[in-house]
Amino acid sequence: MKFKLDENLSRSVAGLFRSAGHDAMTVREQGLQSAPDERVLEVATQERRVLVTLDRDLGQILRFPPDASAGIVVINVGPRASHPALLNRTRERLALVETHSPERSLWVVEPGRVRIHLAKGES
């Protein structure tokens, strides 16, 4: 599966995706640092990559409808944000990708659960 990793995710996170066999491109690798959310999502959509981010703004369904994108995954590490917590959330999400696709949907990965918002008309 193809992913675009936002600038707020570390190289270690990119390594987890690649180790799991996914095609992961980072915002930094494309020189899109500090680009507006709309631009980053536009590029990810054009490349048919699911955007993975810590930016909760991208979880606003009305502003960023999942069916208008290749997919969006917002990782919420919880109140005790740490790099190990981020890596754990990422591993949990990668395990879920084996049975469910985040394409054309919004995933909000939280401690202990994943909320999935499907594109309109999908179940």
N, C-alpha and C. Protein backbone atom coordinates (compact mmCIF):
# COMPACT_ATOMS: atom_id res chain seq x y z
N MET A 1 0.84 -1.17 0.00
CA MET A 1 0.00 0.00 0.00
C MET A 1 0.90 1.24 0.00
N LYS A 2 0.38 2.34 -0.56
CA LYS A 2 1.15 3.57 -0.67
C LYS A 2 0.71 4.59 0.37
N PHE A 3 1.69 5.17 1.10
CA PHE A 3 1.42 6.13 2.14
C PHE A 3 2.25 7.38 1.94
N LYS A 4 1.69 8.52 2.36
CA LYS A 4 2.41 9.79 2.46
C LYS A 4 2.46 10.12 3.95
N LEU A 5 3.67 10.28 4.50
CA LEU A 5 3.84 10.56 5.92
C LEU A 5 4.10 12.05 6.11
N ASP A 6 3.27 12.67 6.92
CA ASP A 6 3.35 14.10 7.16
C ASP A 6 4.66 14.46 7.86
N GLU A 7 5.01 15.73 7.83
CA GLU A 7 6.28 16.19 8.38
C GLU A 7 6.37 16.02 9.89
N ASN A 8 5.27 15.82 10.58
CA ASN A 8 5.30 15.64 12.02
C ASN A 8 5.59 14.20 12.45
N LEU A 9 5.89 13.35 11.50
CA LEU A 9 6.25 11.95 11.78
C LEU A 9 7.74 11.75 11.54
N SER A 10 8.36 10.98 12.41
CA SER A 10 9.81 10.79 12.37
C SER A 10 10.25 9.78 11.31
N ARG A 11 11.56 9.74 11.11
CA ARG A 11 12.13 8.74 10.20
C ARG A 11 11.87 7.33 10.72
N SER A 12 11.81 7.19 12.04
CA SER A 12 11.53 5.88 12.64
C SER A 12 10.15 5.38 12.23
N VAL A 13 9.19 6.28 12.17
CA VAL A 13 7.84 5.91 11.73
C VAL A 13 7.88 5.48 10.27
N ALA A 14 8.57 6.24 9.45
CA ALA A 14 8.71 5.86 8.04
C ALA A 14 9.35 4.49 7.92
N GLY A 15 10.33 4.22 8.77
CA GLY A 15 10.98 2.91 8.78
C GLY A 15 10.03 1.79 9.11
N LEU A 16 9.10 2.03 10.04
CA LEU A 16 8.10 1.00 10.38
C LEU A 16 7.23 0.66 9.17
N PHE A 17 6.80 1.68 8.45
CA PHE A 17 5.97 1.46 7.26
C PHE A 17 6.75 0.67 6.21
N ARG A 18 7.97 1.08 5.98
CA ARG A 18 8.79 0.41 4.95
C ARG A 18 9.13 -1.02 5.36
N SER A 19 9.41 -1.23 6.63
CA SER A 19 9.71 -2.58 7.12
C SER A 19 8.52 -3.52 6.96
N ALA A 20 7.32 -2.93 7.02
CA ALA A 20 6.10 -3.72 6.86
C ALA A 20 5.77 -3.95 5.38
N GLY A 21 6.63 -3.45 4.49
CA GLY A 21 6.46 -3.70 3.05
C GLY A 21 5.65 -2.65 2.32
N HIS A 22 5.41 -1.50 2.95
CA HIS A 22 4.62 -0.45 2.31
C HIS A 22 5.52 0.56 1.61
N ASP A 23 4.97 1.19 0.60
CA ASP A 23 5.63 2.26 -0.13
C ASP A 23 5.33 3.55 0.63
N ALA A 24 6.30 4.05 1.40
CA ALA A 24 6.09 5.23 2.24
C ALA A 24 6.97 6.37 1.77
N MET A 25 6.35 7.47 1.37
CA MET A 25 7.04 8.69 0.95
C MET A 25 6.75 9.74 2.02
N THR A 26 7.75 10.52 2.38
CA THR A 26 7.54 11.55 3.40
C THR A 26 7.38 12.93 2.77
N VAL A 27 6.70 13.79 3.48
CA VAL A 27 6.54 15.18 3.07
C VAL A 27 7.91 15.84 2.95
N ARG A 28 8.80 15.53 3.89
CA ARG A 28 10.16 16.11 3.85
C ARG A 28 10.90 15.70 2.58
N GLU A 29 10.77 14.43 2.18
CA GLU A 29 11.47 13.95 0.98
C GLU A 29 11.03 14.69 -0.27
N GLN A 30 9.81 15.24 -0.24
CA GLN A 30 9.30 15.95 -1.41
C GLN A 30 9.39 17.46 -1.27
N GLY A 31 9.99 17.94 -0.18
CA GLY A 31 10.15 19.37 0.00
C GLY A 31 8.84 20.09 0.29
N LEU A 32 7.90 19.41 0.90
CA LEU A 32 6.59 20.01 1.20
C LEU A 32 6.46 20.47 2.64
N GLN A 33 7.59 20.60 3.36
CA GLN A 33 7.52 21.07 4.73
C GLN A 33 6.83 22.43 4.76
N SER A 34 6.02 22.64 5.77
CA SER A 34 5.30 23.90 6.00
C SER A 34 4.24 24.18 4.95
N ALA A 35 3.98 23.24 4.05
CA ALA A 35 2.90 23.43 3.08
C ALA A 35 1.56 23.34 3.81
N PRO A 36 0.55 24.07 3.34
CA PRO A 36 -0.78 23.98 3.98
C PRO A 36 -1.33 22.55 3.89
N ASP A 37 -2.17 22.19 4.85
CA ASP A 37 -2.77 20.86 4.88
C ASP A 37 -3.43 20.51 3.56
N GLU A 38 -4.12 21.47 2.97
CA GLU A 38 -4.82 21.23 1.71
C GLU A 38 -3.85 20.81 0.61
N ARG A 39 -2.68 21.44 0.58
CA ARG A 39 -1.68 21.11 -0.45
C ARG A 39 -1.10 19.72 -0.23
N VAL A 40 -0.78 19.41 1.03
CA VAL A 40 -0.22 18.09 1.34
C VAL A 40 -1.23 17.00 0.97
N LEU A 41 -2.49 17.21 1.32
CA LEU A 41 -3.52 16.22 0.99
C LEU A 41 -3.73 16.12 -0.51
N GLU A 42 -3.67 17.25 -1.20
CA GLU A 42 -3.81 17.25 -2.66
C GLU A 42 -2.71 16.41 -3.32
N VAL A 43 -1.47 16.59 -2.88
CA VAL A 43 -0.36 15.82 -3.44
C VAL A 43 -0.53 14.34 -3.13
N ALA A 44 -0.88 14.02 -1.89
CA ALA A 44 -1.09 12.62 -1.51
C ALA A 44 -2.19 11.99 -2.36
N THR A 45 -3.26 12.73 -2.58
CA THR A 45 -4.37 12.22 -3.39
C THR A 45 -3.95 12.00 -4.84
N GLN A 46 -3.21 12.95 -5.40
CA GLN A 46 -2.73 12.81 -6.78
C GLN A 46 -1.84 11.58 -6.93
N GLU A 47 -1.06 11.29 -5.89
CA GLU A 47 -0.16 10.14 -5.91
C GLU A 47 -0.84 8.85 -5.46
N ARG A 48 -2.11 8.95 -5.11
CA ARG A 48 -2.90 7.82 -4.60
C ARG A 48 -2.25 7.22 -3.35
N ARG A 49 -1.83 8.12 -2.45
CA ARG A 49 -1.22 7.72 -1.19
C ARG A 49 -2.14 8.10 -0.04
N VAL A 50 -2.28 7.21 0.93
CA VAL A 50 -3.01 7.50 2.15
C VAL A 50 -2.13 8.42 2.99
N LEU A 51 -2.68 9.55 3.41
CA LEU A 51 -1.92 10.50 4.22
C LEU A 51 -1.98 10.09 5.69
N VAL A 52 -0.80 10.00 6.32
CA VAL A 52 -0.70 9.65 7.73
C VAL A 52 -0.13 10.86 8.45
N THR A 53 -0.78 11.28 9.55
CA THR A 53 -0.38 12.52 10.22
C THR A 53 -0.73 12.49 11.70
N LEU A 54 -0.13 13.42 12.44
CA LEU A 54 -0.52 13.67 13.83
C LEU A 54 -1.45 14.88 13.90
N ASP A 55 -1.65 15.54 12.79
CA ASP A 55 -2.42 16.78 12.71
C ASP A 55 -3.92 16.48 12.80
N ARG A 56 -4.51 16.80 13.94
CA ARG A 56 -5.94 16.52 14.16
C ARG A 56 -6.85 17.31 13.24
N ASP A 57 -6.37 18.43 12.70
CA ASP A 57 -7.19 19.21 11.78
C ASP A 57 -7.62 18.37 10.58
N LEU A 58 -6.76 17.45 10.16
CA LEU A 58 -7.09 16.61 9.00
C LEU A 58 -8.18 15.59 9.32
N GLY A 59 -8.59 15.51 10.57
CA GLY A 59 -9.70 14.64 10.97
C GLY A 59 -11.05 15.32 10.86
N GLN A 60 -11.09 16.55 10.37
CA GLN A 60 -12.34 17.28 10.18
C GLN A 60 -13.00 16.82 8.89
N ILE A 61 -14.00 15.98 9.02
CA ILE A 61 -14.61 15.33 7.85
C ILE A 61 -15.22 16.32 6.87
N LEU A 62 -15.85 17.37 7.37
CA LEU A 62 -16.46 18.33 6.45
C LEU A 62 -15.42 19.12 5.68
N ARG A 63 -14.30 19.40 6.30
CA ARG A 63 -13.23 20.15 5.64
C ARG A 63 -12.40 19.25 4.73
N PHE A 64 -12.17 18.03 5.18
CA PHE A 64 -11.35 17.07 4.43
C PHE A 64 -12.13 15.75 4.27
N PRO A 65 -13.11 15.72 3.38
CA PRO A 65 -13.90 14.50 3.22
C PRO A 65 -13.04 13.32 2.76
N PRO A 66 -13.11 12.20 3.47
CA PRO A 66 -12.24 11.08 3.12
C PRO A 66 -12.47 10.54 1.72
N ASP A 67 -13.70 10.65 1.21
CA ASP A 67 -13.95 10.11 -0.13
C ASP A 67 -13.38 11.00 -1.23
N ALA A 68 -12.88 12.18 -0.88
CA ALA A 68 -12.23 13.05 -1.86
C ALA A 68 -10.71 12.88 -1.81
N SER A 69 -10.26 11.90 -1.06
CA SER A 69 -8.82 11.66 -0.91
C SER A 69 -8.53 10.18 -1.14
N ALA A 70 -7.25 9.85 -1.08
CA ALA A 70 -6.86 8.43 -1.15
C ALA A 70 -7.04 7.77 0.21
N GLY A 71 -7.26 8.60 1.25
CA GLY A 71 -7.43 8.12 2.62
C GLY A 71 -6.61 8.98 3.56
N ILE A 72 -7.07 9.06 4.81
CA ILE A 72 -6.39 9.86 5.83
C ILE A 72 -6.33 9.04 7.11
N VAL A 73 -5.16 9.02 7.74
CA VAL A 73 -4.98 8.36 9.03
C VAL A 73 -4.42 9.41 9.99
N VAL A 74 -5.19 9.72 11.04
CA VAL A 74 -4.74 10.65 12.07
C VAL A 74 -4.37 9.82 13.29
N ILE A 75 -3.12 9.93 13.70
CA ILE A 75 -2.65 9.19 14.88
C ILE A 75 -2.68 10.12 16.08
N ASN A 76 -3.43 9.71 17.09
CA ASN A 76 -3.53 10.45 18.34
C ASN A 76 -2.79 9.64 19.39
N VAL A 77 -1.68 10.16 19.89
CA VAL A 77 -0.88 9.40 20.85
C VAL A 77 -1.37 9.57 22.29
N GLY A 78 -2.39 10.38 22.50
CA GLY A 78 -2.95 10.52 23.84
C GLY A 78 -2.27 11.62 24.63
N PRO A 79 -2.67 11.75 25.88
CA PRO A 79 -2.19 12.87 26.71
C PRO A 79 -0.70 12.81 27.03
N ARG A 80 -0.13 11.65 27.01
CA ARG A 80 1.31 11.50 27.28
C ARG A 80 2.05 11.24 25.98
N ALA A 81 2.07 12.25 25.16
CA ALA A 81 2.71 12.12 23.85
C ALA A 81 4.21 11.87 24.02
N SER A 82 4.65 10.80 23.43
CA SER A 82 6.08 10.47 23.44
C SER A 82 6.39 9.71 22.16
N HIS A 83 7.65 9.66 21.83
CA HIS A 83 8.04 8.94 20.62
C HIS A 83 7.72 7.45 20.73
N PRO A 84 8.00 6.79 21.87
CA PRO A 84 7.61 5.38 22.00
C PRO A 84 6.09 5.16 21.85
N ALA A 85 5.29 6.09 22.37
CA ALA A 85 3.83 5.96 22.23
C ALA A 85 3.44 6.07 20.76
N LEU A 86 4.08 6.99 20.04
CA LEU A 86 3.81 7.14 18.62
C LEU A 86 4.18 5.87 17.86
N LEU A 87 5.32 5.30 18.16
CA LEU A 87 5.72 4.06 17.49
C LEU A 87 4.75 2.93 17.79
N ASN A 88 4.27 2.85 19.04
CA ASN A 88 3.28 1.82 19.39
C ASN A 88 1.98 2.01 18.64
N ARG A 89 1.46 3.24 18.56
CA ARG A 89 0.22 3.51 17.80
C ARG A 89 0.42 3.13 16.34
N THR A 90 1.60 3.44 15.81
CA THR A 90 1.88 3.12 14.41
C THR A 90 1.90 1.62 14.18
N ARG A 91 2.53 0.89 15.07
CA ARG A 91 2.55 -0.59 14.94
C ARG A 91 1.13 -1.16 14.99
N GLU A 92 0.31 -0.66 15.90
CA GLU A 92 -1.08 -1.12 16.00
C GLU A 92 -1.82 -0.87 14.69
N ARG A 93 -1.64 0.30 14.12
CA ARG A 93 -2.31 0.65 12.88
C ARG A 93 -1.83 -0.20 11.73
N LEU A 94 -0.53 -0.44 11.67
CA LEU A 94 0.00 -1.28 10.60
C LEU A 94 -0.55 -2.70 10.67
N ALA A 95 -0.77 -3.21 11.87
CA ALA A 95 -1.36 -4.54 12.01
C ALA A 95 -2.78 -4.54 11.47
N LEU A 96 -3.51 -3.47 11.68
CA LEU A 96 -4.89 -3.37 11.20
C LEU A 96 -4.95 -3.30 9.67
N VAL A 97 -3.93 -2.71 9.05
CA VAL A 97 -3.89 -2.60 7.59
C VAL A 97 -3.89 -3.97 6.92
N GLU A 98 -3.43 -4.98 7.64
CA GLU A 98 -3.40 -6.33 7.07
C GLU A 98 -4.81 -6.86 6.78
N THR A 99 -5.82 -6.37 7.52
CA THR A 99 -7.19 -6.87 7.33
C THR A 99 -8.17 -5.81 6.85
N HIS A 100 -7.83 -4.53 6.98
CA HIS A 100 -8.71 -3.43 6.57
C HIS A 100 -7.89 -2.38 5.84
N SER A 101 -8.45 -1.84 4.78
CA SER A 101 -7.74 -0.81 4.01
C SER A 101 -8.21 0.58 4.45
N PRO A 102 -7.26 1.50 4.65
CA PRO A 102 -7.64 2.88 4.98
C PRO A 102 -7.98 3.73 3.75
N GLU A 103 -7.96 3.12 2.58
CA GLU A 103 -8.22 3.88 1.35
C GLU A 103 -9.63 4.46 1.37
N ARG A 104 -9.71 5.73 0.95
CA ARG A 104 -10.97 6.48 0.85
C ARG A 104 -11.75 6.48 2.17
N SER A 105 -11.02 6.48 3.28
CA SER A 105 -11.67 6.57 4.58
C SER A 105 -10.80 7.42 5.50
N LEU A 106 -11.36 7.75 6.65
CA LEU A 106 -10.61 8.46 7.68
C LEU A 106 -10.48 7.53 8.87
N TRP A 107 -9.25 7.31 9.28
CA TRP A 107 -8.97 6.55 10.49
C TRP A 107 -8.43 7.50 11.54
N VAL A 108 -8.99 7.44 12.74
CA VAL A 108 -8.45 8.17 13.87
C VAL A 108 -7.95 7.11 14.84
N VAL A 109 -6.63 7.00 14.93
CA VAL A 109 -5.99 5.98 15.76
C VAL A 109 -5.74 6.59 17.13
N GLU A 110 -6.45 6.06 18.13
CA GLU A 110 -6.36 6.56 19.49
C GLU A 110 -5.85 5.46 20.40
N PRO A 111 -5.42 5.81 21.60
CA PRO A 111 -5.01 4.76 22.54
C PRO A 111 -6.16 3.77 22.77
N GLY A 112 -5.95 2.52 22.42
CA GLY A 112 -6.94 1.49 22.67
C GLY A 112 -8.03 1.31 21.65
N ARG A 113 -8.10 2.17 20.62
CA ARG A 113 -9.14 2.00 19.61
C ARG A 113 -8.80 2.75 18.33
N VAL A 114 -9.50 2.36 17.27
CA VAL A 114 -9.39 3.05 15.99
C VAL A 114 -10.80 3.37 15.54
N ARG A 115 -11.08 4.65 15.32
CA ARG A 115 -12.37 5.07 14.77
C ARG A 115 -12.22 5.16 13.26
N ILE A 116 -13.11 4.50 12.54
CA ILE A 116 -13.03 4.48 11.08
C ILE A 116 -14.28 5.13 10.51
N HIS A 117 -14.06 6.15 9.68
CA HIS A 117 -15.14 6.84 8.99
C HIS A 117 -15.00 6.49 7.52
N LEU A 118 -15.97 5.76 7.00
CA LEU A 118 -15.91 5.32 5.60
C LEU A 118 -16.41 6.40 4.66
N ALA A 119 -16.02 6.31 3.41
CA ALA A 119 -16.51 7.21 2.39
C ALA A 119 -18.01 7.03 2.24
N LYS A 120 -18.68 8.06 1.78
CA LYS A 120 -20.13 7.99 1.59
C LYS A 120 -20.49 6.82 0.70
N GLY A 121 -21.53 6.09 1.07
CA GLY A 121 -22.00 4.98 0.26
C GLY A 121 -21.27 3.68 0.48
N GLU A 122 -20.23 3.67 1.34
CA GLU A 122 -19.50 2.43 1.61
C GLU A 122 -19.86 1.93 3.00
N SER A 123 -19.77 0.64 3.18
CA SER A 123 -20.06 0.07 4.51
C SER A 123 -19.04 -0.95 4.89
